[in-house]
Amino acid sequence: MINVNIPDLPESKIKGVKVCRQAMAKWEEEFDERLDPNKRKYYWLTGKFNNHDKGQDTDEWALANGYISLVPVQFDFTAHHAIPFLNELDYGIQG
């Protein structure tokens, strides 16, 4: 997959596209309790974004400097190194 971020600039001010890595940053999440028009509660995600990464090869740098950022991402969190070990355990289940 590719994560695409576009700076909040007029199209004529965008400098180009940068293929980047994701910055080492995180959100400090907070939630505001609000009411919808029917007086039902809902929660709006807010918070503060903390970017501790000063690299010039990151998505945050690209956006801050007028570029569209493209970041190739993946979702496989599997600890592949643990699979052989877990396959050797006796789980006591037949089948």
N, C-alpha and C. Protein backbone atom coordinates (compact mmCIF):
# COMPACT_ATOMS: atom_id res chain seq x y z
N MET A 1 0.84 -1.17 0.00
CA MET A 1 0.00 0.00 0.00
C MET A 1 0.89 1.24 0.00
N ILE A 2 0.30 2.33 -0.39
CA ILE A 2 1.03 3.60 -0.39
C ILE A 2 0.20 4.63 0.37
N ASN A 3 0.82 5.24 1.36
CA ASN A 3 0.19 6.33 2.10
C ASN A 3 0.55 7.63 1.38
N VAL A 4 -0.48 8.38 1.01
CA VAL A 4 -0.28 9.64 0.28
C VAL A 4 -0.74 10.79 1.16
N ASN A 5 0.11 11.80 1.31
CA ASN A 5 -0.25 13.02 2.04
C ASN A 5 0.01 14.21 1.13
N ILE A 6 -0.96 15.13 1.12
CA ILE A 6 -0.87 16.31 0.26
C ILE A 6 -0.84 17.54 1.14
N PRO A 7 0.14 18.41 0.95
CA PRO A 7 0.20 19.61 1.81
C PRO A 7 -0.99 20.53 1.55
N ASP A 8 -1.39 21.25 2.57
CA ASP A 8 -2.52 22.18 2.48
C ASP A 8 -2.04 23.47 1.83
N LEU A 9 -1.85 23.39 0.52
CA LEU A 9 -1.34 24.52 -0.26
C LEU A 9 -2.13 24.62 -1.57
N PRO A 10 -2.16 25.79 -2.18
CA PRO A 10 -2.73 25.86 -3.53
C PRO A 10 -1.89 24.97 -4.46
N GLU A 11 -2.55 24.37 -5.44
CA GLU A 11 -1.86 23.44 -6.34
C GLU A 11 -0.61 24.06 -6.96
N SER A 12 -0.67 25.33 -7.27
CA SER A 12 0.47 26.00 -7.91
C SER A 12 1.69 26.12 -6.99
N LYS A 13 1.49 25.95 -5.68
CA LYS A 13 2.58 26.07 -4.72
C LYS A 13 3.22 24.72 -4.36
N ILE A 14 2.61 23.61 -4.79
CA ILE A 14 3.16 22.29 -4.50
C ILE A 14 4.40 22.08 -5.37
N LYS A 15 5.50 21.72 -4.73
CA LYS A 15 6.80 21.63 -5.40
C LYS A 15 7.00 20.33 -6.18
N GLY A 16 6.27 19.29 -5.80
CA GLY A 16 6.44 18.00 -6.46
C GLY A 16 6.08 16.87 -5.53
N VAL A 17 6.63 15.69 -5.82
CA VAL A 17 6.34 14.48 -5.06
C VAL A 17 7.65 13.93 -4.50
N LYS A 18 7.63 13.50 -3.24
CA LYS A 18 8.78 12.86 -2.61
C LYS A 18 8.36 11.47 -2.12
N VAL A 19 9.13 10.46 -2.48
CA VAL A 19 8.95 9.13 -1.90
C VAL A 19 9.75 9.13 -0.61
N CYS A 20 9.10 8.80 0.49
CA CYS A 20 9.69 9.01 1.82
C CYS A 20 9.52 7.79 2.70
N ARG A 21 10.15 7.90 3.87
CA ARG A 21 9.86 6.97 4.95
C ARG A 21 8.93 7.68 5.93
N GLN A 22 8.25 6.90 6.74
CA GLN A 22 7.38 7.48 7.76
C GLN A 22 8.23 8.06 8.87
N ALA A 23 7.92 9.26 9.30
CA ALA A 23 8.66 9.89 10.39
C ALA A 23 8.44 9.14 11.70
N MET A 24 9.44 9.15 12.55
CA MET A 24 9.31 8.57 13.90
C MET A 24 8.58 9.60 14.75
N ALA A 25 7.27 9.50 14.75
CA ALA A 25 6.42 10.47 15.43
C ALA A 25 5.21 9.74 15.99
N LYS A 26 4.47 10.40 16.85
CA LYS A 26 3.26 9.77 17.40
C LYS A 26 2.28 10.83 17.87
N TRP A 27 1.05 10.40 17.97
CA TRP A 27 -0.02 11.24 18.49
C TRP A 27 -0.19 11.00 19.98
N GLU A 28 -0.37 12.07 20.72
CA GLU A 28 -0.84 11.98 22.10
C GLU A 28 -2.34 12.19 22.00
N GLU A 29 -3.08 11.09 22.04
CA GLU A 29 -4.52 11.14 21.77
C GLU A 29 -5.31 11.66 22.95
N GLU A 30 -6.31 12.46 22.62
CA GLU A 30 -7.30 12.93 23.58
C GLU A 30 -8.65 12.83 22.88
N PHE A 31 -9.72 12.74 23.66
CA PHE A 31 -11.04 12.63 23.08
C PHE A 31 -11.95 13.68 23.69
N ASP A 32 -12.62 14.44 22.82
CA ASP A 32 -13.61 15.42 23.27
C ASP A 32 -14.99 14.78 23.20
N GLU A 33 -15.72 14.85 24.30
CA GLU A 33 -17.10 14.37 24.30
C GLU A 33 -17.98 15.46 23.69
N ARG A 34 -18.79 15.11 22.72
CA ARG A 34 -19.65 16.07 22.04
C ARG A 34 -21.05 15.49 21.90
N LEU A 35 -21.98 16.34 21.45
CA LEU A 35 -23.35 15.91 21.19
C LEU A 35 -23.68 16.13 19.73
N ASP A 36 -24.33 15.13 19.12
CA ASP A 36 -24.76 15.30 17.73
C ASP A 36 -26.08 16.08 17.72
N PRO A 37 -26.63 16.41 16.55
CA PRO A 37 -27.88 17.19 16.50
C PRO A 37 -29.06 16.53 17.21
N ASN A 38 -28.99 15.21 17.42
CA ASN A 38 -30.06 14.50 18.13
C ASN A 38 -29.75 14.31 19.62
N LYS A 39 -28.76 15.05 20.10
CA LYS A 39 -28.36 15.05 21.51
C LYS A 39 -27.76 13.72 21.96
N ARG A 40 -27.19 12.95 21.02
CA ARG A 40 -26.50 11.71 21.36
C ARG A 40 -25.01 12.01 21.52
N LYS A 41 -24.41 11.39 22.51
CA LYS A 41 -22.98 11.59 22.75
C LYS A 41 -22.16 10.91 21.67
N TYR A 42 -21.07 11.57 21.32
CA TYR A 42 -20.03 10.94 20.50
C TYR A 42 -18.70 11.54 20.92
N TYR A 43 -17.62 10.90 20.49
CA TYR A 43 -16.29 11.34 20.90
C TYR A 43 -15.46 11.68 19.68
N TRP A 44 -14.84 12.86 19.71
CA TRP A 44 -14.03 13.36 18.61
C TRP A 44 -12.56 13.23 18.99
N LEU A 45 -11.80 12.53 18.16
CA LEU A 45 -10.38 12.33 18.42
C LEU A 45 -9.63 13.64 18.19
N THR A 46 -8.91 14.07 19.20
CA THR A 46 -8.06 15.26 19.10
C THR A 46 -6.70 14.87 19.67
N GLY A 47 -5.88 15.82 19.92
CA GLY A 47 -4.60 15.54 20.54
C GLY A 47 -3.49 16.36 19.93
N LYS A 48 -2.29 15.95 20.28
CA LYS A 48 -1.10 16.67 19.84
C LYS A 48 -0.19 15.71 19.09
N PHE A 49 0.32 16.16 17.95
CA PHE A 49 1.23 15.35 17.15
C PHE A 49 2.65 15.73 17.50
N ASN A 50 3.43 14.75 17.93
CA ASN A 50 4.82 14.99 18.31
C ASN A 50 5.75 14.33 17.31
N ASN A 51 6.45 15.14 16.55
CA ASN A 51 7.42 14.63 15.59
C ASN A 51 8.82 14.82 16.16
N HIS A 52 9.47 13.71 16.49
CA HIS A 52 10.82 13.76 17.05
C HIS A 52 11.87 13.47 15.99
N ASP A 53 11.44 13.31 14.76
CA ASP A 53 12.32 12.89 13.67
C ASP A 53 12.70 14.12 12.84
N LYS A 54 13.95 14.42 12.79
CA LYS A 54 14.42 15.61 12.05
C LYS A 54 14.98 15.27 10.68
N GLY A 55 14.77 14.03 10.23
CA GLY A 55 15.28 13.60 8.93
C GLY A 55 14.63 14.34 7.77
N GLN A 56 15.40 14.56 6.72
CA GLN A 56 14.87 15.22 5.53
C GLN A 56 14.39 14.22 4.49
N ASP A 57 14.22 12.97 4.92
CA ASP A 57 13.72 11.92 4.04
C ASP A 57 12.38 11.38 4.54
N THR A 58 11.67 12.19 5.36
CA THR A 58 10.42 11.74 5.97
C THR A 58 9.21 12.41 5.34
N ASP A 59 8.05 11.79 5.58
CA ASP A 59 6.80 12.35 5.12
C ASP A 59 6.53 13.72 5.76
N GLU A 60 6.86 13.85 7.02
CA GLU A 60 6.63 15.13 7.70
C GLU A 60 7.48 16.25 7.11
N TRP A 61 8.72 15.94 6.79
CA TRP A 61 9.59 16.95 6.17
C TRP A 61 9.05 17.34 4.80
N ALA A 62 8.64 16.35 4.03
CA ALA A 62 8.11 16.63 2.69
C ALA A 62 6.91 17.56 2.77
N LEU A 63 5.95 17.25 3.63
CA LEU A 63 4.76 18.09 3.77
C LEU A 63 5.11 19.50 4.21
N ALA A 64 5.99 19.61 5.21
CA ALA A 64 6.37 20.92 5.74
C ALA A 64 7.11 21.76 4.70
N ASN A 65 7.66 21.09 3.68
CA ASN A 65 8.43 21.80 2.67
C ASN A 65 7.74 21.85 1.30
N GLY A 66 6.43 21.63 1.31
CA GLY A 66 5.64 21.84 0.10
C GLY A 66 5.58 20.70 -0.89
N TYR A 67 5.89 19.48 -0.45
CA TYR A 67 5.85 18.31 -1.33
C TYR A 67 4.72 17.37 -0.95
N ILE A 68 4.20 16.66 -1.92
CA ILE A 68 3.33 15.53 -1.67
C ILE A 68 4.23 14.39 -1.22
N SER A 69 3.82 13.68 -0.17
CA SER A 69 4.65 12.55 0.30
C SER A 69 3.99 11.22 -0.08
N LEU A 70 4.82 10.30 -0.54
CA LEU A 70 4.39 8.92 -0.80
C LEU A 70 5.22 8.02 0.08
N VAL A 71 4.54 7.22 0.92
CA VAL A 71 5.23 6.32 1.83
C VAL A 71 4.72 4.90 1.60
N PRO A 72 5.59 4.00 1.12
CA PRO A 72 5.16 2.61 1.00
C PRO A 72 5.03 2.00 2.40
N VAL A 73 3.89 1.37 2.67
CA VAL A 73 3.65 0.80 4.00
C VAL A 73 3.24 -0.66 3.89
N GLN A 74 3.42 -1.38 5.01
CA GLN A 74 3.00 -2.77 5.07
C GLN A 74 2.40 -3.05 6.44
N PHE A 75 1.66 -4.15 6.54
CA PHE A 75 0.92 -4.44 7.77
C PHE A 75 1.31 -5.75 8.43
N ASP A 76 2.31 -6.43 7.99
CA ASP A 76 2.64 -7.74 8.54
C ASP A 76 3.44 -7.58 9.83
N PHE A 77 2.77 -7.77 10.97
CA PHE A 77 3.44 -7.68 12.28
C PHE A 77 3.89 -9.06 12.78
N THR A 78 3.81 -10.06 11.93
CA THR A 78 4.16 -11.42 12.34
C THR A 78 5.61 -11.50 12.79
N ALA A 79 5.83 -12.13 13.94
CA ALA A 79 7.19 -12.39 14.43
C ALA A 79 7.65 -13.70 13.78
N HIS A 80 8.07 -13.62 12.55
CA HIS A 80 8.43 -14.81 11.76
C HIS A 80 9.49 -15.67 12.46
N HIS A 81 10.38 -15.07 13.19
CA HIS A 81 11.43 -15.83 13.88
C HIS A 81 10.86 -16.76 14.95
N ALA A 82 9.65 -16.50 15.45
CA ALA A 82 9.05 -17.30 16.51
C ALA A 82 8.26 -18.50 15.98
N ILE A 83 7.94 -18.53 14.71
CA ILE A 83 7.11 -19.60 14.17
C ILE A 83 7.74 -20.98 14.35
N PRO A 84 9.02 -21.19 14.01
CA PRO A 84 9.59 -22.54 14.21
C PRO A 84 9.55 -22.98 15.67
N PHE A 85 9.83 -22.10 16.59
CA PHE A 85 9.79 -22.43 18.02
C PHE A 85 8.38 -22.84 18.42
N LEU A 86 7.38 -22.07 18.04
CA LEU A 86 5.99 -22.37 18.42
C LEU A 86 5.51 -23.66 17.77
N ASN A 87 6.00 -23.97 16.59
CA ASN A 87 5.62 -25.23 15.92
C ASN A 87 6.18 -26.45 16.63
N GLU A 88 7.22 -26.30 17.43
CA GLU A 88 7.82 -27.42 18.14
C GLU A 88 7.16 -27.69 19.49
N LEU A 89 6.34 -26.81 20.00
CA LEU A 89 5.71 -27.00 21.31
C LEU A 89 4.61 -28.06 21.25
N ASP A 90 4.45 -28.75 22.36
CA ASP A 90 3.37 -29.74 22.49
C ASP A 90 2.19 -29.05 23.16
N TYR A 91 1.14 -28.86 22.42
CA TYR A 91 -0.04 -28.16 22.94
C TYR A 91 -1.04 -29.12 23.58
N GLY A 92 -0.75 -30.42 23.52
CA GLY A 92 -1.63 -31.39 24.18
C GLY A 92 -2.97 -31.57 23.51
N ILE A 93 -3.07 -31.19 22.27
CA ILE A 93 -4.33 -31.29 21.52
C ILE A 93 -4.09 -32.22 20.35
N GLN A 94 -4.93 -33.22 20.23
CA GLN A 94 -4.82 -34.16 19.11
C GLN A 94 -5.60 -33.62 17.92
N GLY A 95 -5.11 -33.86 16.75
CA GLY A 95 -5.89 -33.48 15.57
C GLY A 95 -5.09 -32.89 14.58
